[in-house]
C-alpha atoms as a PDB file:
ATOM      1  CA  MET A   1      -6.537 -17.761   2.922  1.00  0.00           C
ATOM      2  CA  LEU A   2      -6.350 -16.908  -0.692  1.00  0.00           C
ATOM      3  CA  LEU A   3      -6.049 -13.448  -2.105  1.00  0.00           C
ATOM      4  CA  SER A   4      -9.458 -13.856  -3.854  1.00  0.00           C
ATOM      5  CA  ASP A   5     -11.056 -14.603  -0.419  1.00  0.00           C
ATOM      6  CA  VAL A   6     -10.362 -11.047   0.792  1.00  0.00           C
ATOM      7  CA  LEU A   7     -10.172  -8.784  -2.262  1.00  0.00           C
ATOM      8  CA  PRO A   8     -13.459  -7.551  -3.595  1.00  0.00           C
ATOM      9  CA  ALA A   9     -14.069  -9.051  -7.014  1.00  0.00           C
ATOM     10  CA  SER A  10     -13.585  -5.697  -8.646  1.00  0.00           C
ATOM     11  CA  ILE A  11     -10.003  -5.338  -7.456  1.00  0.00           C
ATOM     12  CA  ALA A  12      -7.514  -6.946  -9.820  1.00  0.00           C
ATOM     13  CA  TRP A  13      -4.108  -7.336  -8.190  1.00  0.00           C
ATOM     14  CA  ASN A  14      -1.405  -7.759 -10.702  1.00  0.00           C
ATOM     15  CA  PRO A  15       1.744  -5.606 -10.212  1.00  0.00           C
ATOM     16  CA  ASP A  16       4.710  -5.969 -12.590  1.00  0.00           C
ATOM     17  CA  LEU A  17       7.829  -7.395 -11.150  1.00  0.00           C
ATOM     18  CA  GLY A  18       9.704  -4.108 -11.020  1.00  0.00           C
ATOM     19  CA  ASP A  19       6.875  -1.962  -9.688  1.00  0.00           C
ATOM     20  CA  LEU A  20       7.085  -0.363  -6.275  1.00  0.00           C
ATOM     21  CA  VAL A  21       3.990  -1.406  -4.422  1.00  0.00           C
ATOM     22  CA  LEU A  22       1.830   0.959  -2.271  1.00  0.00           C
ATOM     23  CA  LEU A  23      -0.912  -0.310   0.076  1.00  0.00           C
ATOM     24  CA  ALA A  24      -2.738   2.363   1.846  1.00  0.00           C
ATOM     25  CA  VAL A  25      -5.572   0.981   4.203  1.00  0.00           C
ATOM     26  CA  THR A  26      -7.751   1.661   7.129  1.00  0.00           C
ATOM     27  CA  LEU A  27      -8.114  -1.008   9.893  1.00  0.00           C
ATOM     28  CA  ASP A  28     -11.244  -2.238   7.954  1.00  0.00           C
ATOM     29  CA  ASP A  29      -9.076  -3.381   5.076  1.00  0.00           C
ATOM     30  CA  LEU A  30      -5.981  -4.525   7.038  1.00  0.00           C
ATOM     31  CA  ALA A  31      -6.800  -8.172   6.257  1.00  0.00           C
ATOM     32  CA  VAL A  32      -6.580  -7.377   2.548  1.00  0.00           C
ATOM     33  CA  ALA A  33      -3.278  -5.668   2.775  1.00  0.00           C
ATOM     34  CA  GLU A  34      -1.819  -8.575   4.971  1.00  0.00           C
ATOM     35  CA  THR A  35      -3.088 -11.042   2.404  1.00  0.00           C
ATOM     36  CA  VAL A  36      -1.463  -9.146  -0.558  1.00  0.00           C
ATOM     37  CA  LEU A  37       1.793  -8.805   1.358  1.00  0.00           C
ATOM     38  CA  ALA A  38       1.837 -12.579   1.925  1.00  0.00           C
ATOM     39  CA  THR A  39       1.587 -13.128  -1.843  1.00  0.00           C
ATOM     40  CA  LEU A  40       4.303 -10.913  -2.894  1.00  0.00           C
ATOM     41  CA  PRO A  41       7.805 -12.104  -3.681  1.00  0.00           C
ATOM     42  CA  SER A  42      10.433 -11.639  -1.145  1.00  0.00           C
ATOM     43  CA  LYS A  43      12.257  -9.137  -3.428  1.00  0.00           C
ATOM     44  CA  ALA A  44       9.229  -6.904  -3.739  1.00  0.00           C
ATOM     45  CA  ARG A  45       9.679  -3.423  -2.412  1.00  0.00           C
ATOM     46  CA  GLY A  46       7.202  -0.667  -1.338  1.00  0.00           C
ATOM     47  CA  GLN A  47       5.171   0.977   1.383  1.00  0.00           C
ATOM     48  CA  VAL A  48       2.269   0.239   3.567  1.00  0.00           C
ATOM     49  CA  PHE A  49       0.289   2.902   5.338  1.00  0.00           C
ATOM     50  CA  VAL A  50      -2.270   1.796   7.946  1.00  0.00           C
ATOM     51  CA  GLU A  51      -4.663   4.468   9.394  1.00  0.00           C
ATOM     52  CA  ALA A  52      -5.923   3.724  12.865  1.00  0.00           C
ATOM     53  CA  ALA A  53      -7.736   5.675  15.487  1.00  0.00           C
ATOM     54  CA  THR A  54      -5.241   5.400  18.258  1.00  0.00           C
ATOM     55  CA  GLU A  55      -1.858   3.859  19.261  1.00  0.00           C
ATOM     56  CA  ALA A  56      -3.752   0.941  20.885  1.00  0.00           C
ATOM     57  CA  ASP A  57      -4.648  -0.240  17.356  1.00  0.00           C
ATOM     58  CA  ILE A  58      -1.060  -0.841  16.265  1.00  0.00           C
ATOM     59  CA  ARG A  59       0.158  -4.376  15.871  1.00  0.00           C
ATOM     60  CA  PRO A  60       2.955  -6.133  13.958  1.00  0.00           C
ATOM     61  CA  ILE A  61       2.526  -6.687  10.207  1.00  0.00           C
ATOM     62  CA  SER A  62       4.659  -9.148   8.132  1.00  0.00           C
ATOM     63  CA  ALA A  63       5.905  -7.641   4.922  1.00  0.00           C
ATOM     64  CA  PRO A  64       8.757  -8.417   2.550  1.00  0.00           C
ATOM     65  CA  GLY A  65      11.997  -6.997   3.799  1.00  0.00           C
ATOM     66  CA  ARG A  66      12.177  -4.111   1.464  1.00  0.00           C
ATOM     67  CA  PHE A  67       8.810  -2.697   2.649  1.00  0.00           C
ATOM     68  CA  GLY A  68       8.207   0.175   5.081  1.00  0.00           C
ATOM     69  CA  VAL A  69       5.134  -0.064   7.245  1.00  0.00           C
ATOM     70  CA  THR A  70       3.802   3.214   8.730  1.00  0.00           C
ATOM     71  CA  TRP A  71       1.010   3.496  11.198  1.00  0.00           C
ATOM     72  CA  LEU A  72      -0.936   6.791  10.972  1.00  0.00           C
ATOM     73  CA  LEU A  73      -2.844   7.803  14.012  1.00  0.00           C
ATOM     74  CA  ARG A  74      -6.077   9.924  13.574  1.00  0.00           C
ATOM     75  CA  ASP A  75      -5.797  11.023  17.199  1.00  0.00           C
ATOM     76  CA  ARG A  76      -2.494  12.665  16.366  1.00  0.00           C
ATOM     77  CA  GLY A  77      -3.797  14.383  13.223  1.00  0.00           C
ATOM     78  CA  GLN A  78      -2.135  11.998  10.780  1.00  0.00           C
ATOM     79  CA  ALA A  79      -4.180  11.194   7.658  1.00  0.00           C
ATOM     80  CA  LEU A  80      -3.996   8.471   5.070  1.00  0.00           C
ATOM     81  CA  ARG A  81      -4.527  10.593   1.935  1.00  0.00           C
ATOM     82  CA  THR A  82      -1.922  13.152   2.950  1.00  0.00           C
ATOM     83  CA  SER A  83       0.665  10.484   3.596  1.00  0.00           C
ATOM     84  CA  VAL A  84      -0.047   8.743   0.295  1.00  0.00           C
ATOM     85  CA  ASP A  85       0.178  12.050  -1.650  1.00  0.00           C
ATOM     86  CA  ALA A  86       3.501  12.906  -0.054  1.00  0.00           C
ATOM     87  CA  TRP A  87       4.967   9.379  -0.585  1.00  0.00           C
ATOM     88  CA  LEU A  88       3.788   9.399  -4.264  1.00  0.00           C
ATOM     89  CA  ALA A  89       5.360  12.929  -4.823  1.00  0.00           C
ATOM     90  CA  GLU A  90       8.677  11.449  -3.674  1.00  0.00           C
ATOM     91  CA  MET A  91       8.417   7.962  -5.404  1.00  0.00           C
ATOM     92  CA  LEU A  92       7.136   9.307  -8.780  1.00  0.00           C
ATOM     93  CA  PRO A  93       9.631  11.995  -9.696  1.00  0.00           C
ATOM     94  CA  VAL A  94       9.407  13.496 -13.038  1.00  0.00           C
ATOM     95  CA  GLU A  95      12.524  12.616 -15.055  1.00  0.00           C
ATOM     96  CA  VAL A  96      12.982  12.937 -18.737  1.00  0.00           C
ATOM     97  CA  ASP A  97      15.144   9.767 -19.220  1.00  0.00           C
ATOM     98  CA  ARG A  98      13.481   7.337 -16.717  1.00  0.00           C
ATOM     99  CA  GLU A  99      10.056   6.077 -16.000  1.00  0.00           C
ATOM    100  CA  HIS A 100       8.995   5.380 -12.321  1.00  0.00           C
ATOM    101  CA  ARG A 101       6.020   3.044 -11.661  1.00  0.00           C
ATOM    102  CA  VAL A 102       3.985   2.400  -8.478  1.00  0.00           C
ATOM    103  CA  TYR A 103       1.297  -0.244  -8.291  1.00  0.00           C
ATOM    104  CA  ALA A 104      -1.204   0.999  -5.691  1.00  0.00           C
ATOM    105  CA  TRP A 105      -4.350   0.203  -3.860  1.00  0.00           C
ATOM    106  CA  VAL A 106      -5.932   2.459  -1.431  1.00  0.00           C
ATOM    107  CA  SER A 107      -8.906   1.582   0.954  1.00  0.00           C
ATOM    108  CA  GLY A 108     -12.110   2.743  -0.567  1.00  0.00           C
ATOM    109  CA  GLU A 109     -11.026   2.533  -4.173  1.00  0.00           C
ATOM    110  CA  THR A 110     -12.653  -0.053  -6.449  1.00  0.00           C
ATOM    111  CA  CYS A 111      -9.415  -1.000  -8.244  1.00  0.00           C
ATOM    112  CA  ALA A 112      -5.685  -1.348  -7.934  1.00  0.00           C
ATOM    113  CA  ARG A 113      -3.811   0.783 -10.450  1.00  0.00           C
ATOM    114  CA  ALA A 114      -0.434   1.371 -11.846  1.00  0.00           C
ATOM    115  CA  LEU A 115       0.813   4.986 -11.588  1.00  0.00           C
ATOM    116  CA  VAL A 116       3.568   6.187 -13.787  1.00  0.00           C
ATOM    117  CA  SER A 117       5.662   9.307 -13.672  1.00  0.00           C
END
């Protein structure tokens, strides 16, 4: 399967080599996240959040070794947007002498984007 087979035509996926990568998806877009992860180099680093209804939805996901994969369960009150906001607050600190970059795509958004502190 090619990345172009699962990404909507409006989503351009082109992170820079040094970017942290953030994928935040619902189960409906899990195939997109898995395909993106399969195309990343082994040295890529980042975070995947998957929002699901219950624990029964959880299954293994292959990701580069420097990725965290977190399942968020709605029946436990966990929310995708809250988790994304908290992660970005930690990963995009404001520092005068250093720029931090995250390349992100969130389910329901029409494009991937680079976020810079």
